[in-house]
Amino acid sequence: MGQRRLPTCQAGPPLFRFADEAVLAALLRSAGLQDVTVQGQTFVHRVATAEALWTGALGSLARTAAIVLAQSDAMQQRIRSVFERLVSVYASEGGLAIPMAYKIATGQKP
């Protein structure tokens, strides 16, 4: 079996491009919005198993899935093994409890 070719999907914007609240607010202001506010929120995302999280990620994270699936079977197993080790720290009764954060931004048209 030959080596797999890396995916040709284009690089997207940086994943945490708007993680800084000031950067997100500046974007909204640059679009002409006024009275801009940005509020951080958190919650715990519960997933039944590491398998469910892995399958969900490969089905929804396009760039990540393309890179993982372009690897040899042996490398995919290595990636999966590291993934399982990393998510194991979120083990809780009934599955995984993964802390999540997001931002809600608002602004008004002048």
PDB file of N, CA and C in Angstrom:
ATOM      1  N   MET A   1       0.851  -1.173   0.000  1.00  0.00           N
ATOM      2  CA  MET A   1       0.000   0.000   0.000  1.00  0.00           C
ATOM      3  C   MET A   1       0.897   1.237   0.000  1.00  0.00           C
ATOM      4  N   GLY A   2       0.682   2.167  -0.923  1.00  0.00           N
ATOM      5  CA  GLY A   2       1.493   3.381  -1.025  1.00  0.00           C
ATOM      6  C   GLY A   2       1.130   4.405   0.038  1.00  0.00           C
ATOM      7  N   GLN A   3       1.995   5.385   0.173  1.00  0.00           N
ATOM      8  CA  GLN A   3       1.756   6.449   1.138  1.00  0.00           C
ATOM      9  C   GLN A   3       0.605   7.332   0.653  1.00  0.00           C
ATOM     10  N   ARG A   4      -0.244   7.737   1.553  1.00  0.00           N
ATOM     11  CA  ARG A   4      -1.385   8.579   1.205  1.00  0.00           C
ATOM     12  C   ARG A   4      -0.931  10.012   0.992  1.00  0.00           C
ATOM     13  N   ARG A   5      -1.617  10.692   0.112  1.00  0.00           N
ATOM     14  CA  ARG A   5      -1.306  12.096  -0.142  1.00  0.00           C
ATOM     15  C   ARG A   5      -2.003  12.965   0.892  1.00  0.00           C
ATOM     16  N   LEU A   6      -1.344  14.030   1.287  1.00  0.00           N
ATOM     17  CA  LEU A   6      -1.958  14.966   2.226  1.00  0.00           C
ATOM     18  C   LEU A   6      -3.129  15.663   1.559  1.00  0.00           C
ATOM     19  N   PRO A   7      -4.102  16.074   2.335  1.00  0.00           N
ATOM     20  CA  PRO A   7      -5.278  16.723   1.756  1.00  0.00           C
ATOM     21  C   PRO A   7      -4.914  18.039   1.093  1.00  0.00           C
ATOM     22  N   THR A   8      -5.758  18.423   0.151  1.00  0.00           N
ATOM     23  CA  THR A   8      -5.525  19.672  -0.561  1.00  0.00           C
ATOM     24  C   THR A   8      -6.474  20.769  -0.104  1.00  0.00           C
ATOM     25  N   CYS A   9      -7.157  20.558   1.011  1.00  0.00           N
ATOM     26  CA  CYS A   9      -8.075  21.593   1.475  1.00  0.00           C
ATOM     27  C   CYS A   9      -7.279  22.843   1.855  1.00  0.00           C
ATOM     28  N   GLN A  10      -7.866  23.981   1.564  1.00  0.00           N
ATOM     29  CA  GLN A  10      -7.195  25.240   1.852  1.00  0.00           C
ATOM     30  C   GLN A  10      -7.124  25.479   3.351  1.00  0.00           C
ATOM     31  N   ALA A  11      -6.080  26.167   3.741  1.00  0.00           N
ATOM     32  CA  ALA A  11      -5.977  26.564   5.144  1.00  0.00           C
ATOM     33  C   ALA A  11      -7.069  27.582   5.420  1.00  0.00           C
ATOM     34  N   GLY A  12      -7.736  27.442   6.511  1.00  0.00           N
ATOM     35  CA  GLY A  12      -8.779  28.383   6.889  1.00  0.00           C
ATOM     36  C   GLY A  12      -8.226  29.429   7.831  1.00  0.00           C
ATOM     37  N   PRO A  13      -9.109  30.249   8.351  1.00  0.00           N
ATOM     38  CA  PRO A  13      -8.658  31.267   9.296  1.00  0.00           C
ATOM     39  C   PRO A  13      -8.156  30.605  10.578  1.00  0.00           C
ATOM     40  N   PRO A  14      -7.346  31.292  11.344  1.00  0.00           N
ATOM     41  CA  PRO A  14      -6.871  30.725  12.604  1.00  0.00           C
ATOM     42  C   PRO A  14      -8.058  30.322  13.489  1.00  0.00           C
ATOM     43  N   LEU A  15      -7.949  29.178  14.114  1.00  0.00           N
ATOM     44  CA  LEU A  15      -9.038  28.623  14.909  1.00  0.00           C
ATOM     45  C   LEU A  15      -9.493  29.569  16.026  1.00  0.00           C
ATOM     46  N   PHE A  16      -8.560  30.224  16.674  1.00  0.00           N
ATOM     47  CA  PHE A  16      -8.900  31.086  17.806  1.00  0.00           C
ATOM     48  C   PHE A  16      -8.792  32.563  17.444  1.00  0.00           C
ATOM     49  N   ARG A  17      -9.065  32.877  16.185  1.00  0.00           N
ATOM     50  CA  ARG A  17      -8.935  34.238  15.666  1.00  0.00           C
ATOM     51  C   ARG A  17      -9.668  35.273  16.513  1.00  0.00           C
ATOM     52  N   PHE A  18     -10.850  34.954  16.975  1.00  0.00           N
ATOM     53  CA  PHE A  18     -11.644  35.913  17.738  1.00  0.00           C
ATOM     54  C   PHE A  18     -11.782  35.516  19.211  1.00  0.00           C
ATOM     55  N   ALA A  19     -10.846  34.749  19.719  1.00  0.00           N
ATOM     56  CA  ALA A  19     -10.878  34.361  21.124  1.00  0.00           C
ATOM     57  C   ALA A  19     -10.692  35.569  22.042  1.00  0.00           C
ATOM     58  N   ASP A  20      -9.913  36.514  21.604  1.00  0.00           N
ATOM     59  CA  ASP A  20      -9.714  37.744  22.379  1.00  0.00           C
ATOM     60  C   ASP A  20     -10.952  38.623  22.204  1.00  0.00           C
ATOM     61  N   GLU A  21     -11.616  38.938  23.301  1.00  0.00           N
ATOM     62  CA  GLU A  21     -12.858  39.710  23.231  1.00  0.00           C
ATOM     63  C   GLU A  21     -12.664  41.058  22.549  1.00  0.00           C
ATOM     64  N   ALA A  22     -11.510  41.693  22.759  1.00  0.00           N
ATOM     65  CA  ALA A  22     -11.245  42.993  22.140  1.00  0.00           C
ATOM     66  C   ALA A  22     -11.155  42.873  20.618  1.00  0.00           C
ATOM     67  N   VAL A  23     -10.589  41.784  20.136  1.00  0.00           N
ATOM     68  CA  VAL A  23     -10.474  41.567  18.688  1.00  0.00           C
ATOM     69  C   VAL A  23     -11.857  41.356  18.074  1.00  0.00           C
ATOM     70  N   LEU A  24     -12.701  40.576  18.749  1.00  0.00           N
ATOM     71  CA  LEU A  24     -14.059  40.348  18.260  1.00  0.00           C
ATOM     72  C   LEU A  24     -14.860  41.649  18.265  1.00  0.00           C
ATOM     73  N   ALA A  25     -14.750  42.420  19.336  1.00  0.00           N
ATOM     74  CA  ALA A  25     -15.457  43.702  19.410  1.00  0.00           C
ATOM     75  C   ALA A  25     -14.979  44.649  18.313  1.00  0.00           C
ATOM     76  N   ALA A  26     -13.692  44.687  18.061  1.00  0.00           N
ATOM     77  CA  ALA A  26     -13.153  45.557  17.005  1.00  0.00           C
ATOM     78  C   ALA A  26     -13.710  45.160  15.645  1.00  0.00           C
ATOM     79  N   LEU A  27     -13.875  43.873  15.395  1.00  0.00           N
ATOM     80  CA  LEU A  27     -14.453  43.417  14.132  1.00  0.00           C
ATOM     81  C   LEU A  27     -15.869  43.963  13.966  1.00  0.00           C
ATOM     82  N   LEU A  28     -16.669  43.849  15.008  1.00  0.00           N
ATOM     83  CA  LEU A  28     -18.046  44.330  14.923  1.00  0.00           C
ATOM     84  C   LEU A  28     -18.098  45.852  14.742  1.00  0.00           C
ATOM     85  N   ARG A  29     -17.212  46.555  15.436  1.00  0.00           N
ATOM     86  CA  ARG A  29     -17.157  48.014  15.265  1.00  0.00           C
ATOM     87  C   ARG A  29     -16.718  48.380  13.850  1.00  0.00           C
ATOM     88  N   SER A  30     -15.783  47.606  13.293  1.00  0.00           N
ATOM     89  CA  SER A  30     -15.316  47.890  11.930  1.00  0.00           C
ATOM     90  C   SER A  30     -16.411  47.638  10.897  1.00  0.00           C
ATOM     91  N   ALA A  31     -17.421  46.848  11.270  1.00  0.00           N
ATOM     92  CA  ALA A  31     -18.563  46.601  10.398  1.00  0.00           C
ATOM     93  C   ALA A  31     -19.632  47.677  10.575  1.00  0.00           C
ATOM     94  N   GLY A  32     -19.344  48.667  11.434  1.00  0.00           N
ATOM     95  CA  GLY A  32     -20.260  49.785  11.620  1.00  0.00           C
ATOM     96  C   GLY A  32     -21.222  49.654  12.786  1.00  0.00           C
ATOM     97  N   LEU A  33     -21.074  48.617  13.595  1.00  0.00           N
ATOM     98  CA  LEU A  33     -21.976  48.458  14.735  1.00  0.00           C
ATOM     99  C   LEU A  33     -21.553  49.341  15.899  1.00  0.00           C
ATOM    100  N   GLN A  34     -22.542  49.734  16.686  1.00  0.00           N
ATOM    101  CA  GLN A  34     -22.301  50.560  17.871  1.00  0.00           C
ATOM    102  C   GLN A  34     -22.760  49.805  19.109  1.00  0.00           C
ATOM    103  N   ASP A  35     -22.385  50.320  20.263  1.00  0.00           N
ATOM    104  CA  ASP A  35     -22.768  49.695  21.536  1.00  0.00           C
ATOM    105  C   ASP A  35     -22.436  48.205  21.542  1.00  0.00           C
ATOM    106  N   VAL A  36     -21.241  47.883  21.103  1.00  0.00           N
ATOM    107  CA  VAL A  36     -20.796  46.492  21.003  1.00  0.00           C
ATOM    108  C   VAL A  36     -20.473  45.950  22.394  1.00  0.00           C
ATOM    109  N   THR A  37     -20.957  44.760  22.675  1.00  0.00           N
ATOM    110  CA  THR A  37     -20.587  44.049  23.902  1.00  0.00           C
ATOM    111  C   THR A  37     -20.196  42.624  23.537  1.00  0.00           C
ATOM    112  N   VAL A  38     -19.282  42.088  24.292  1.00  0.00           N
ATOM    113  CA  VAL A  38     -18.860  40.698  24.119  1.00  0.00           C
ATOM    114  C   VAL A  38     -18.815  40.070  25.508  1.00  0.00           C
ATOM    115  N   GLN A  39     -19.493  38.961  25.656  1.00  0.00           N
ATOM    116  CA  GLN A  39     -19.526  38.273  26.946  1.00  0.00           C
ATOM    117  C   GLN A  39     -19.095  36.824  26.771  1.00  0.00           C
ATOM    118  N   GLY A  40     -18.166  36.403  27.613  1.00  0.00           N
ATOM    119  CA  GLY A  40     -17.744  35.014  27.614  1.00  0.00           C
ATOM    120  C   GLY A  40     -18.705  34.152  28.412  1.00  0.00           C
ATOM    121  N   GLN A  41     -18.931  32.951  27.951  1.00  0.00           N
ATOM    122  CA  GLN A  41     -19.813  31.995  28.612  1.00  0.00           C
ATOM    123  C   GLN A  41     -19.098  30.646  28.671  1.00  0.00           C
ATOM    124  N   THR A  42     -19.479  29.824  29.615  1.00  0.00           N
ATOM    125  CA  THR A  42     -18.912  28.478  29.718  1.00  0.00           C
ATOM    126  C   THR A  42     -20.025  27.466  30.000  1.00  0.00           C
ATOM    127  N   PHE A  43     -19.748  26.238  29.669  1.00  0.00           N
ATOM    128  CA  PHE A  43     -20.637  25.129  29.999  1.00  0.00           C
ATOM    129  C   PHE A  43     -19.827  23.844  29.937  1.00  0.00           C
ATOM    130  N   VAL A  44     -20.414  22.765  30.389  1.00  0.00           N
ATOM    131  CA  VAL A  44     -19.776  21.452  30.316  1.00  0.00           C
ATOM    132  C   VAL A  44     -20.510  20.636  29.263  1.00  0.00           C
ATOM    133  N   HIS A  45     -19.761  20.186  28.262  1.00  0.00           N
ATOM    134  CA  HIS A  45     -20.312  19.352  27.188  1.00  0.00           C
ATOM    135  C   HIS A  45     -20.123  17.898  27.594  1.00  0.00           C
ATOM    136  N   ARG A  46     -21.200  17.169  27.678  1.00  0.00           N
ATOM    137  CA  ARG A  46     -21.138  15.768  28.087  1.00  0.00           C
ATOM    138  C   ARG A  46     -21.229  14.873  26.852  1.00  0.00           C
ATOM    139  N   VAL A  47     -20.313  13.932  26.794  1.00  0.00           N
ATOM    140  CA  VAL A  47     -20.263  12.972  25.686  1.00  0.00           C
ATOM    141  C   VAL A  47     -20.182  11.585  26.312  1.00  0.00           C
ATOM    142  N   ALA A  48     -20.926  10.652  25.760  1.00  0.00           N
ATOM    143  CA  ALA A  48     -21.014   9.314  26.351  1.00  0.00           C
ATOM    144  C   ALA A  48     -19.675   8.591  26.377  1.00  0.00           C
ATOM    145  N   THR A  49     -18.913   8.680  25.271  1.00  0.00           N
ATOM    146  CA  THR A  49     -17.664   7.920  25.170  1.00  0.00           C
ATOM    147  C   THR A  49     -16.641   8.693  24.341  1.00  0.00           C
ATOM    148  N   ALA A  50     -15.385   8.297  24.472  1.00  0.00           N
ATOM    149  CA  ALA A  50     -14.340   8.864  23.619  1.00  0.00           C
ATOM    150  C   ALA A  50     -14.617   8.503  22.161  1.00  0.00           C
ATOM    151  N   GLU A  51     -15.172   7.340  21.921  1.00  0.00           N
ATOM    152  CA  GLU A  51     -15.532   6.919  20.563  1.00  0.00           C
ATOM    153  C   GLU A  51     -16.549   7.879  19.947  1.00  0.00           C
ATOM    154  N   ALA A  52     -17.552   8.272  20.722  1.00  0.00           N
ATOM    155  CA  ALA A  52     -18.569   9.201  20.218  1.00  0.00           C
ATOM    156  C   ALA A  52     -17.945  10.563  19.897  1.00  0.00           C
ATOM    157  N   LEU A  53     -17.030  11.004  20.728  1.00  0.00           N
ATOM    158  CA  LEU A  53     -16.356  12.282  20.484  1.00  0.00           C
ATOM    159  C   LEU A  53     -15.481  12.193  19.238  1.00  0.00           C
ATOM    160  N   TRP A  54     -14.742  11.110  19.091  1.00  0.00           N
ATOM    161  CA  TRP A  54     -13.878  10.899  17.922  1.00  0.00           C
ATOM    162  C   TRP A  54     -14.707  10.882  16.640  1.00  0.00           C
ATOM    163  N   THR A  55     -15.763  10.100  16.634  1.00  0.00           N
ATOM    164  CA  THR A  55     -16.622   9.993  15.452  1.00  0.00           C
ATOM    165  C   THR A  55     -17.273  11.340  15.132  1.00  0.00           C
ATOM    166  N   GLY A  56     -17.737  12.035  16.149  1.00  0.00           N
ATOM    167  CA  GLY A  56     -18.343  13.340  15.944  1.00  0.00           C
ATOM    168  C   GLY A  56     -17.361  14.348  15.389  1.00  0.00           C
ATOM    169  N   ALA A  57     -16.136  14.324  15.893  1.00  0.00           N
ATOM    170  CA  ALA A  57     -15.114  15.255  15.416  1.00  0.00           C
ATOM    171  C   ALA A  57     -14.774  14.978  13.958  1.00  0.00           C
ATOM    172  N   LEU A  58     -14.592  13.715  13.611  1.00  0.00           N
ATOM    173  CA  LEU A  58     -14.257  13.400  12.221  1.00  0.00           C
ATOM    174  C   LEU A  58     -15.413  13.700  11.271  1.00  0.00           C
ATOM    175  N   GLY A  59     -16.631  13.747  11.795  1.00  0.00           N
ATOM    176  CA  GLY A  59     -17.780  14.050  10.965  1.00  0.00           C
ATOM    177  C   GLY A  59     -18.108  15.533  10.879  1.00  0.00           C
ATOM    178  N   SER A  60     -17.431  16.355  11.685  1.00  0.00           N
ATOM    179  CA  SER A  60     -17.807  17.764  11.695  1.00  0.00           C
ATOM    180  C   SER A  60     -16.640  18.749  11.601  1.00  0.00           C
ATOM    181  N   LEU A  61     -15.437  18.325  11.875  1.00  0.00           N
ATOM    182  CA  LEU A  61     -14.273  19.210  11.806  1.00  0.00           C
ATOM    183  C   LEU A  61     -13.552  18.933  10.490  1.00  0.00           C
ATOM    184  N   ALA A  62     -13.939  19.662   9.452  1.00  0.00           N
ATOM    185  CA  ALA A  62     -13.507  19.337   8.086  1.00  0.00           C
ATOM    186  C   ALA A  62     -11.989  19.306   7.923  1.00  0.00           C
ATOM    187  N   ARG A  63     -11.301  20.349   8.387  1.00  0.00           N
ATOM    188  CA  ARG A  63      -9.844  20.372   8.188  1.00  0.00           C
ATOM    189  C   ARG A  63      -9.156  19.279   8.993  1.00  0.00           C
ATOM    190  N   THR A  64      -9.586  19.092  10.222  1.00  0.00           N
ATOM    191  CA  THR A  64      -8.991  18.054  11.064  1.00  0.00           C
ATOM    192  C   THR A  64      -9.240  16.677  10.464  1.00  0.00           C
ATOM    193  N   ALA A  65     -10.474  16.420  10.055  1.00  0.00           N
ATOM    194  CA  ALA A  65     -10.804  15.116   9.468  1.00  0.00           C
ATOM    195  C   ALA A  65      -9.989  14.864   8.211  1.00  0.00           C
ATOM    196  N   ALA A  66      -9.841  15.862   7.359  1.00  0.00           N
ATOM    197  CA  ALA A  66      -9.082  15.682   6.115  1.00  0.00           C
ATOM    198  C   ALA A  66      -7.640  15.306   6.414  1.00  0.00           C
ATOM    199  N   ILE A  67      -7.053  15.944   7.401  1.00  0.00           N
ATOM    200  CA  ILE A  67      -5.654  15.658   7.739  1.00  0.00           C
ATOM    201  C   ILE A  67      -5.523  14.266   8.350  1.00  0.00           C
ATOM    202  N   VAL A  68      -6.401  13.930   9.286  1.00  0.00           N
ATOM    203  CA  VAL A  68      -6.333  12.617   9.933  1.00  0.00           C
ATOM    204  C   VAL A  68      -6.569  11.503   8.914  1.00  0.00           C
ATOM    205  N   LEU A  69      -7.602  11.643   8.101  1.00  0.00           N
ATOM    206  CA  LEU A  69      -7.952  10.582   7.165  1.00  0.00           C
ATOM    207  C   LEU A  69      -6.964  10.431   6.020  1.00  0.00           C
ATOM    208  N   ALA A  70      -6.110  11.419   5.816  1.00  0.00           N
ATOM    209  CA  ALA A  70      -5.083  11.323   4.777  1.00  0.00           C
ATOM    210  C   ALA A  70      -3.866  10.525   5.246  1.00  0.00           C
ATOM    211  N   GLN A  71      -3.816  10.199   6.524  1.00  0.00           N
ATOM    212  CA  GLN A  71      -2.673   9.481   7.082  1.00  0.00           C
ATOM    213  C   GLN A  71      -2.804   7.986   6.850  1.00  0.00           C
ATOM    214  N   SER A  72      -1.688   7.302   6.984  1.00  0.00           N
ATOM    215  CA  SER A  72      -1.703   5.837   6.899  1.00  0.00           C
ATOM    216  C   SER A  72      -2.535   5.282   8.046  1.00  0.00           C
ATOM    217  N   ASP A  73      -2.968   4.032   7.898  1.00  0.00           N
ATOM    218  CA  ASP A  73      -3.744   3.403   8.960  1.00  0.00           C
ATOM    219  C   ASP A  73      -2.971   3.397  10.275  1.00  0.00           C
ATOM    220  N   ALA A  74      -1.676   3.114  10.211  1.00  0.00           N
ATOM    221  CA  ALA A  74      -0.853   3.078  11.422  1.00  0.00           C
ATOM    222  C   ALA A  74      -0.795   4.462  12.088  1.00  0.00           C
ATOM    223  N   MET A  75      -0.646   5.514  11.292  1.00  0.00           N
ATOM    224  CA  MET A  75      -0.598   6.863  11.860  1.00  0.00           C
ATOM    225  C   MET A  75      -1.958   7.261  12.424  1.00  0.00           C
ATOM    226  N   GLN A  76      -3.032   6.862  11.758  1.00  0.00           N
ATOM    227  CA  GLN A  76      -4.359   7.162  12.295  1.00  0.00           C
ATOM    228  C   GLN A  76      -4.538   6.505  13.664  1.00  0.00           C
ATOM    229  N   GLN A  77      -4.009   5.298  13.818  1.00  0.00           N
ATOM    230  CA  GLN A  77      -4.096   4.617  15.109  1.00  0.00           C
ATOM    231  C   GLN A  77      -3.289   5.351  16.173  1.00  0.00           C
ATOM    232  N   ARG A  78      -2.127   5.869  15.795  1.00  0.00           N
ATOM    233  CA  ARG A  78      -1.303   6.642  16.738  1.00  0.00           C
ATOM    234  C   ARG A  78      -2.028   7.919  17.156  1.00  0.00           C
ATOM    235  N   ILE A  79      -2.626   8.605  16.190  1.00  0.00           N
ATOM    236  CA  ILE A  79      -3.383   9.827  16.489  1.00  0.00           C
ATOM    237  C   ILE A  79      -4.534   9.492  17.419  1.00  0.00           C
ATOM    238  N   ARG A  80      -5.241   8.425  17.119  1.00  0.00           N
ATOM    239  CA  ARG A  80      -6.378   8.008  17.942  1.00  0.00           C
ATOM    240  C   ARG A  80      -5.934   7.678  19.361  1.00  0.00           C
ATOM    241  N   SER A  81      -4.808   7.017  19.501  1.00  0.00           N
ATOM    242  CA  SER A  81      -4.291   6.660  20.817  1.00  0.00           C
ATOM    243  C   SER A  81      -3.975   7.912  21.647  1.00  0.00           C
ATOM    244  N   VAL A  82      -3.338   8.884  21.021  1.00  0.00           N
ATOM    245  CA  VAL A  82      -3.023  10.142  21.726  1.00  0.00           C
ATOM    246  C   VAL A  82      -4.321  10.872  22.074  1.00  0.00           C
ATOM    247  N   PHE A  83      -5.266  10.908  21.149  1.00  0.00           N
ATOM    248  CA  PHE A  83      -6.576  11.522  21.391  1.00  0.00           C
ATOM    249  C   PHE A  83      -7.226  10.899  22.633  1.00  0.00           C
ATOM    250  N   GLU A  84      -7.262   9.579  22.682  1.00  0.00           N
ATOM    251  CA  GLU A  84      -7.897   8.902  23.815  1.00  0.00           C
ATOM    252  C   GLU A  84      -7.190   9.207  25.127  1.00  0.00           C
ATOM    253  N   ARG A  85      -5.862   9.297  25.087  1.00  0.00           N
ATOM    254  CA  ARG A  85      -5.117   9.644  26.303  1.00  0.00           C
ATOM    255  C   ARG A  85      -5.464  11.065  26.751  1.00  0.00           C
ATOM    256  N   LEU A  86      -5.532  11.999  25.802  1.00  0.00           N
ATOM    257  CA  LEU A  86      -5.812  13.396  26.148  1.00  0.00           C
ATOM    258  C   LEU A  86      -7.230  13.592  26.682  1.00  0.00           C
ATOM    259  N   VAL A  87      -8.219  12.919  26.096  1.00  0.00           N
ATOM    260  CA  VAL A  87      -9.590  13.109  26.572  1.00  0.00           C
ATOM    261  C   VAL A  87      -9.871  12.343  27.856  1.00  0.00           C
ATOM    262  N   SER A  88      -9.019  11.401  28.209  1.00  0.00           N
ATOM    263  CA  SER A  88      -9.261  10.613  29.421  1.00  0.00           C
ATOM    264  C   SER A  88      -9.281  11.483  30.678  1.00  0.00           C
ATOM    265  N   VAL A  89      -8.629  12.642  30.646  1.00  0.00           N
ATOM    266  CA  VAL A  89      -8.639  13.520  31.823  1.00  0.00           C
ATOM    267  C   VAL A  89     -10.033  14.104  32.070  1.00  0.00           C
ATOM    268  N   TYR A  90     -10.938  14.008  31.100  1.00  0.00           N
ATOM    269  CA  TYR A  90     -12.299  14.521  31.249  1.00  0.00           C
ATOM    270  C   TYR A  90     -13.294  13.427  31.619  1.00  0.00           C
ATOM    271  N   ALA A  91     -12.782  12.230  31.950  1.00  0.00           N
ATOM    272  CA  ALA A  91     -13.664  11.126  32.321  1.00  0.00           C
ATOM    273  C   ALA A  91     -14.454  11.488  33.572  1.00  0.00           C
ATOM    274  N   SER A  92     -15.729  11.172  33.525  1.00  0.00           N
ATOM    275  CA  SER A  92     -16.599  11.401  34.674  1.00  0.00           C
ATOM    276  C   SER A  92     -17.648  10.297  34.674  1.00  0.00           C
ATOM    277  N   GLU A  93     -18.463  10.301  35.693  1.00  0.00           N
ATOM    278  CA  GLU A  93     -19.520   9.306  35.746  1.00  0.00           C
ATOM    279  C   GLU A  93     -20.430   9.492  34.531  1.00  0.00           C
ATOM    280  N   GLY A  94     -20.607   8.455  33.765  1.00  0.00           N
ATOM    281  CA  GLY A  94     -21.486   8.522  32.607  1.00  0.00           C
ATOM    282  C   GLY A  94     -20.810   8.964  31.326  1.00  0.00           C
ATOM    283  N   GLY A  95     -19.491   9.089  31.302  1.00  0.00           N
ATOM    284  CA  GLY A  95     -18.809   9.452  30.059  1.00  0.00           C
ATOM    285  C   GLY A  95     -17.740  10.501  30.254  1.00  0.00           C
ATOM    286  N   LEU A  96     -17.753  11.493  29.371  1.00  0.00           N
ATOM    287  CA  LEU A  96     -16.778  12.586  29.418  1.00  0.00           C
ATOM    288  C   LEU A  96     -17.511  13.879  29.745  1.00  0.00           C
ATOM    289  N   ALA A  97     -16.867  14.731  30.551  1.00  0.00           N
ATOM    290  CA  ALA A  97     -17.400  16.057  30.873  1.00  0.00           C
ATOM    291  C   ALA A  97     -16.341  17.063  30.435  1.00  0.00           C
ATOM    292  N   ILE A  98     -16.572  17.681  29.285  1.00  0.00           N
ATOM    293  CA  ILE A  98     -15.567  18.535  28.664  1.00  0.00           C
ATOM    294  C   ILE A  98     -15.946  20.004  28.846  1.00  0.00           C
ATOM    295  N   PRO A  99     -15.079  20.779  29.512  1.00  0.00           N
ATOM    296  CA  PRO A  99     -15.389  22.195  29.681  1.00  0.00           C
ATOM    297  C   PRO A  99     -15.301  22.919  28.338  1.00  0.00           C
ATOM    298  N   MET A 100     -16.272  23.766  28.070  1.00  0.00           N
ATOM    299  CA  MET A 100     -16.349  24.504  26.808  1.00  0.00           C
ATOM    300  C   MET A 100     -16.521  25.991  27.111  1.00  0.00           C
ATOM    301  N   ALA A 101     -16.075  26.804  26.178  1.00  0.00           N
ATOM    302  CA  ALA A 101     -16.247  28.249  26.308  1.00  0.00           C
ATOM    303  C   ALA A 101     -16.668  28.821  24.963  1.00  0.00           C
ATOM    304  N   TYR A 102     -17.461  29.865  25.021  1.00  0.00           N
ATOM    305  CA  TYR A 102     -17.886  30.556  23.808  1.00  0.00           C
ATOM    306  C   TYR A 102     -18.150  32.016  24.144  1.00  0.00           C
ATOM    307  N   LYS A 103     -18.390  32.805  23.129  1.00  0.00           N
ATOM    308  CA  LYS A 103     -18.644  34.222  23.312  1.00  0.00           C
ATOM    309  C   LYS A 103     -19.954  34.600  22.637  1.00  0.00           C
ATOM    310  N   ILE A 104     -20.668  35.499  23.271  1.00  0.00           N
ATOM    311  CA  ILE A 104     -21.850  36.095  22.666  1.00  0.00           C
ATOM    312  C   ILE A 104     -21.527  37.566  22.445  1.00  0.00           C
ATOM    313  N   ALA A 105     -21.626  37.992  21.205  1.00  0.00           N
ATOM    314  CA  ALA A 105     -21.319  39.381  20.850  1.00  0.00           C
ATOM    315  C   ALA A 105     -22.581  40.029  20.304  1.00  0.00           C
ATOM    316  N   THR A 106     -22.805  41.263  20.707  1.00  0.00           N
ATOM    317  CA  THR A 106     -23.947  42.022  20.213  1.00  0.00           C
ATOM    318  C   THR A 106     -23.508  43.408  19.794  1.00  0.00           C
ATOM    319  N   GLY A 107     -24.284  43.995  18.921  1.00  0.00           N
ATOM    320  CA  GLY A 107     -24.060  45.364  18.489  1.00  0.00           C
ATOM    321  C   GLY A 107     -25.303  45.865  17.801  1.00  0.00           C
ATOM    322  N   GLN A 108     -25.384  47.177  17.657  1.00  0.00           N
ATOM    323  CA  GLN A 108     -26.550  47.785  17.023  1.00  0.00           C
ATOM    324  C   GLN A 108     -26.139  48.568  15.800  1.00  0.00           C
ATOM    325  N   LYS A 109     -27.007  48.512  14.800  1.00  0.00           N
ATOM    326  CA  LYS A 109     -26.789  49.342  13.616  1.00  0.00           C
ATOM    327  C   LYS A 109     -27.063  50.798  13.996  1.00  0.00           C
ATOM    328  N   PRO A 110     -26.270  51.729  13.484  1.00  0.00           N
ATOM    329  CA  PRO A 110     -26.513  53.140  13.814  1.00  0.00           C
ATOM    330  C   PRO A 110     -27.821  53.637  13.212  1.00  0.00           C
TER     331      PRO A 110
END
